[in-house]
Amino acid sequence: MSGSIVTIRINGNPYQLGCDKGQEAEIEQLGKMVDEMVSNLAQSVGQIGESRLLVMAAILLAEKVAAADGGAGALSSSAPAPTPANADDLIQDEQIETLEKLAQTISALAASIKSA
């Protein structure tokens, strides 16, 4: 990867991410969305620790992406998602496309870290 370093803030903590040139604004926007989700979770369930908040946010994102993919890999009705009561309000339908891009970006970042 040749490019840039972008610093995003999630729950008040800075995270530096590498990205290709031209992706900086998109990464910053996606970071703001994740920060908003984590902030909403923290207001709902409290400051239960950075890791737990990030895991809850990741589960919510994965659930929304699975639902957008037509239910492929979506949770069954017999196993409800471990989310706060207002989880449906956290992400609006028009954000699903952006979240899919985030998932792709995370996968690409994970692959580049794994190969490094």
C-alpha atoms as a PDB file:
ATOM      1  CA  MET A   1       0.000   0.000   0.000  1.00  0.00           C
ATOM      2  CA  SER A   2       1.394   3.353  -0.952  1.00  0.00           C
ATOM      3  CA  GLY A   3      -0.323   6.280   0.420  1.00  0.00           C
ATOM      4  CA  SER A   4      -1.337   8.144   3.451  1.00  0.00           C
ATOM      5  CA  ILE A   5      -1.874   7.878   7.161  1.00  0.00           C
ATOM      6  CA  VAL A   6      -5.252   9.018   8.480  1.00  0.00           C
ATOM      7  CA  THR A   7      -5.965   9.593  12.158  1.00  0.00           C
ATOM      8  CA  ILE A   8      -9.530   8.929  13.259  1.00  0.00           C
ATOM      9  CA  ARG A   9     -10.978   9.228  16.751  1.00  0.00           C
ATOM     10  CA  ILE A  10     -13.212   6.550  18.211  1.00  0.00           C
ATOM     11  CA  ASN A  11     -14.632   7.148  21.694  1.00  0.00           C
ATOM     12  CA  GLY A  12     -12.090   9.935  22.170  1.00  0.00           C
ATOM     13  CA  ASN A  13      -9.079   7.761  21.323  1.00  0.00           C
ATOM     14  CA  PRO A  14      -6.933   8.366  18.219  1.00  0.00           C
ATOM     15  CA  TYR A  15      -6.262   5.549  15.742  1.00  0.00           C
ATOM     16  CA  GLN A  16      -3.885   5.874  12.815  1.00  0.00           C
ATOM     17  CA  LEU A  17      -4.824   3.956   9.674  1.00  0.00           C
ATOM     18  CA  GLY A  18      -2.903   3.547   6.460  1.00  0.00           C
ATOM     19  CA  CYS A  19      -4.811   3.966   3.226  1.00  0.00           C
ATOM     20  CA  ASP A  20      -4.273   4.525  -0.459  1.00  0.00           C
ATOM     21  CA  LYS A  21      -3.980   8.093  -1.671  1.00  0.00           C
ATOM     22  CA  GLY A  22      -7.414   9.495  -2.365  1.00  0.00           C
ATOM     23  CA  GLN A  23      -9.136   7.405   0.316  1.00  0.00           C
ATOM     24  CA  GLU A  24      -8.405   9.796   3.179  1.00  0.00           C
ATOM     25  CA  ALA A  25     -11.760  11.602   3.171  1.00  0.00           C
ATOM     26  CA  GLU A  26     -13.690   8.339   2.924  1.00  0.00           C
ATOM     27  CA  ILE A  27     -11.772   6.801   5.844  1.00  0.00           C
ATOM     28  CA  GLU A  28     -12.347   9.946   7.916  1.00  0.00           C
ATOM     29  CA  GLN A  29     -16.082   9.852   7.139  1.00  0.00           C
ATOM     30  CA  LEU A  30     -16.335   6.152   7.987  1.00  0.00           C
ATOM     31  CA  GLY A  31     -14.393   6.779  11.186  1.00  0.00           C
ATOM     32  CA  LYS A  32     -16.902   9.456  12.170  1.00  0.00           C
ATOM     33  CA  MET A  33     -19.745   6.999  11.584  1.00  0.00           C
ATOM     34  CA  VAL A  34     -18.091   4.378  13.769  1.00  0.00           C
ATOM     35  CA  ASP A  35     -17.377   6.999  16.430  1.00  0.00           C
ATOM     36  CA  GLU A  36     -21.038   8.042  16.408  1.00  0.00           C
ATOM     37  CA  MET A  37     -22.115   4.415  16.754  1.00  0.00           C
ATOM     38  CA  VAL A  38     -19.723   3.799  19.648  1.00  0.00           C
ATOM     39  CA  SER A  39     -20.852   7.051  21.314  1.00  0.00           C
ATOM     40  CA  ASN A  40     -24.493   5.953  21.029  1.00  0.00           C
ATOM     41  CA  LEU A  41     -23.619   2.568  22.480  1.00  0.00           C
ATOM     42  CA  ALA A  42     -21.696   4.194  25.340  1.00  0.00           C
ATOM     43  CA  GLN A  43     -24.722   6.381  26.117  1.00  0.00           C
ATOM     44  CA  SER A  44     -26.964   3.324  26.020  1.00  0.00           C
ATOM     45  CA  VAL A  45     -24.883   0.806  27.965  1.00  0.00           C
ATOM     46  CA  GLY A  46     -22.272   3.034  29.620  1.00  0.00           C
ATOM     47  CA  GLN A  47     -18.498   3.126  29.314  1.00  0.00           C
ATOM     48  CA  ILE A  48     -18.023  -0.636  29.566  1.00  0.00           C
ATOM     49  CA  GLY A  49     -14.536  -0.576  28.108  1.00  0.00           C
ATOM     50  CA  GLU A  50     -13.117   0.279  24.717  1.00  0.00           C
ATOM     51  CA  SER A  51     -12.842  -3.308  23.545  1.00  0.00           C
ATOM     52  CA  ARG A  52     -16.402  -4.216  24.450  1.00  0.00           C
ATOM     53  CA  LEU A  53     -17.809  -1.085  22.811  1.00  0.00           C
ATOM     54  CA  LEU A  54     -15.839  -1.770  19.635  1.00  0.00           C
ATOM     55  CA  VAL A  55     -16.962  -5.408  19.590  1.00  0.00           C
ATOM     56  CA  MET A  56     -20.593  -4.343  19.998  1.00  0.00           C
ATOM     57  CA  ALA A  57     -20.194  -1.823  17.178  1.00  0.00           C
ATOM     58  CA  ALA A  58     -18.573  -4.482  14.972  1.00  0.00           C
ATOM     59  CA  ILE A  59     -21.439  -6.894  15.660  1.00  0.00           C
ATOM     60  CA  LEU A  60     -24.002  -4.223  14.792  1.00  0.00           C
ATOM     61  CA  LEU A  61     -22.146  -3.440  11.562  1.00  0.00           C
ATOM     62  CA  ALA A  62     -21.839  -7.119  10.651  1.00  0.00           C
ATOM     63  CA  GLU A  63     -25.533  -7.626  11.326  1.00  0.00           C
ATOM     64  CA  LYS A  64     -26.472  -4.707   9.062  1.00  0.00           C
ATOM     65  CA  VAL A  65     -24.123  -5.865   6.288  1.00  0.00           C
ATOM     66  CA  ALA A  66     -25.523  -9.407   6.492  1.00  0.00           C
ATOM     67  CA  ALA A  67     -29.072  -8.060   6.309  1.00  0.00           C
ATOM     68  CA  ALA A  68     -28.126  -5.904   3.309  1.00  0.00           C
ATOM     69  CA  ASP A  69     -26.653  -8.975   1.589  1.00  0.00           C
ATOM     70  CA  GLY A  70     -30.087 -10.565   1.609  1.00  0.00           C
ATOM     71  CA  GLY A  71     -29.678 -12.346   4.895  1.00  0.00           C
ATOM     72  CA  ALA A  72     -26.608 -14.346   3.916  1.00  0.00           C
ATOM     73  CA  GLY A  73     -25.027 -15.202   7.233  1.00  0.00           C
ATOM     74  CA  ALA A  74     -27.616 -13.172   9.110  1.00  0.00           C
ATOM     75  CA  LEU A  75     -28.556 -14.235  12.585  1.00  0.00           C
ATOM     76  CA  SER A  76     -31.447 -16.665  12.824  1.00  0.00           C
ATOM     77  CA  SER A  77     -34.671 -15.607  14.484  1.00  0.00           C
ATOM     78  CA  SER A  78     -34.005 -18.084  17.305  1.00  0.00           C
ATOM     79  CA  ALA A  79     -30.764 -16.307  18.217  1.00  0.00           C
ATOM     80  CA  PRO A  80     -31.384 -12.572  18.690  1.00  0.00           C
ATOM     81  CA  ALA A  81     -28.474 -10.198  18.239  1.00  0.00           C
ATOM     82  CA  PRO A  82     -26.746  -9.094  21.456  1.00  0.00           C
ATOM     83  CA  THR A  83     -27.465  -5.403  20.934  1.00  0.00           C
ATOM     84  CA  PRO A  84     -28.961  -2.579  22.970  1.00  0.00           C
ATOM     85  CA  ALA A  85     -32.689  -1.931  22.595  1.00  0.00           C
ATOM     86  CA  ASN A  86     -32.187   1.078  20.353  1.00  0.00           C
ATOM     87  CA  ALA A  87     -29.750  -0.619  17.944  1.00  0.00           C
ATOM     88  CA  ASP A  88     -32.108  -0.192  14.984  1.00  0.00           C
ATOM     89  CA  ASP A  89     -31.952   3.571  15.480  1.00  0.00           C
ATOM     90  CA  LEU A  90     -28.138   3.611  15.359  1.00  0.00           C
ATOM     91  CA  ILE A  91     -27.797   2.971  11.653  1.00  0.00           C
ATOM     92  CA  GLN A  92     -30.172   4.157   8.980  1.00  0.00           C
ATOM     93  CA  ASP A  93     -30.772   2.210   5.800  1.00  0.00           C
ATOM     94  CA  GLU A  94     -29.021   4.739   3.586  1.00  0.00           C
ATOM     95  CA  GLN A  95     -25.790   4.131   5.524  1.00  0.00           C
ATOM     96  CA  ILE A  96     -25.616   0.431   4.642  1.00  0.00           C
ATOM     97  CA  GLU A  97     -23.725   1.040   1.402  1.00  0.00           C
ATOM     98  CA  THR A  98     -21.144   3.090   3.283  1.00  0.00           C
ATOM     99  CA  LEU A  99     -20.865   0.374   5.911  1.00  0.00           C
ATOM    100  CA  GLU A 100     -20.221  -2.210   3.212  1.00  0.00           C
ATOM    101  CA  LYS A 101     -17.359  -0.034   1.989  1.00  0.00           C
ATOM    102  CA  LEU A 102     -16.062   0.110   5.558  1.00  0.00           C
ATOM    103  CA  ALA A 103     -16.190  -3.683   5.780  1.00  0.00           C
ATOM    104  CA  GLN A 104     -14.251  -3.940   2.512  1.00  0.00           C
ATOM    105  CA  THR A 105     -11.701  -1.404   3.729  1.00  0.00           C
ATOM    106  CA  ILE A 106     -11.272  -3.249   7.038  1.00  0.00           C
ATOM    107  CA  SER A 107     -10.822  -6.538   5.168  1.00  0.00           C
ATOM    108  CA  ALA A 108      -8.197  -4.950   2.930  1.00  0.00           C
ATOM    109  CA  LEU A 109      -6.396  -3.443   5.917  1.00  0.00           C
ATOM    110  CA  ALA A 110      -6.485  -6.782   7.757  1.00  0.00           C
ATOM    111  CA  ALA A 111      -5.080  -8.550   4.696  1.00  0.00           C
ATOM    112  CA  SER A 112      -2.268  -6.024   4.350  1.00  0.00           C
ATOM    113  CA  ILE A 113      -1.407  -6.338   8.050  1.00  0.00           C
ATOM    114  CA  LYS A 114      -1.474 -10.146   7.822  1.00  0.00           C
ATOM    115  CA  SER A 115       0.888 -10.148   4.827  1.00  0.00           C
ATOM    116  CA  ALA A 116       3.312  -7.653   6.408  1.00  0.00           C
END
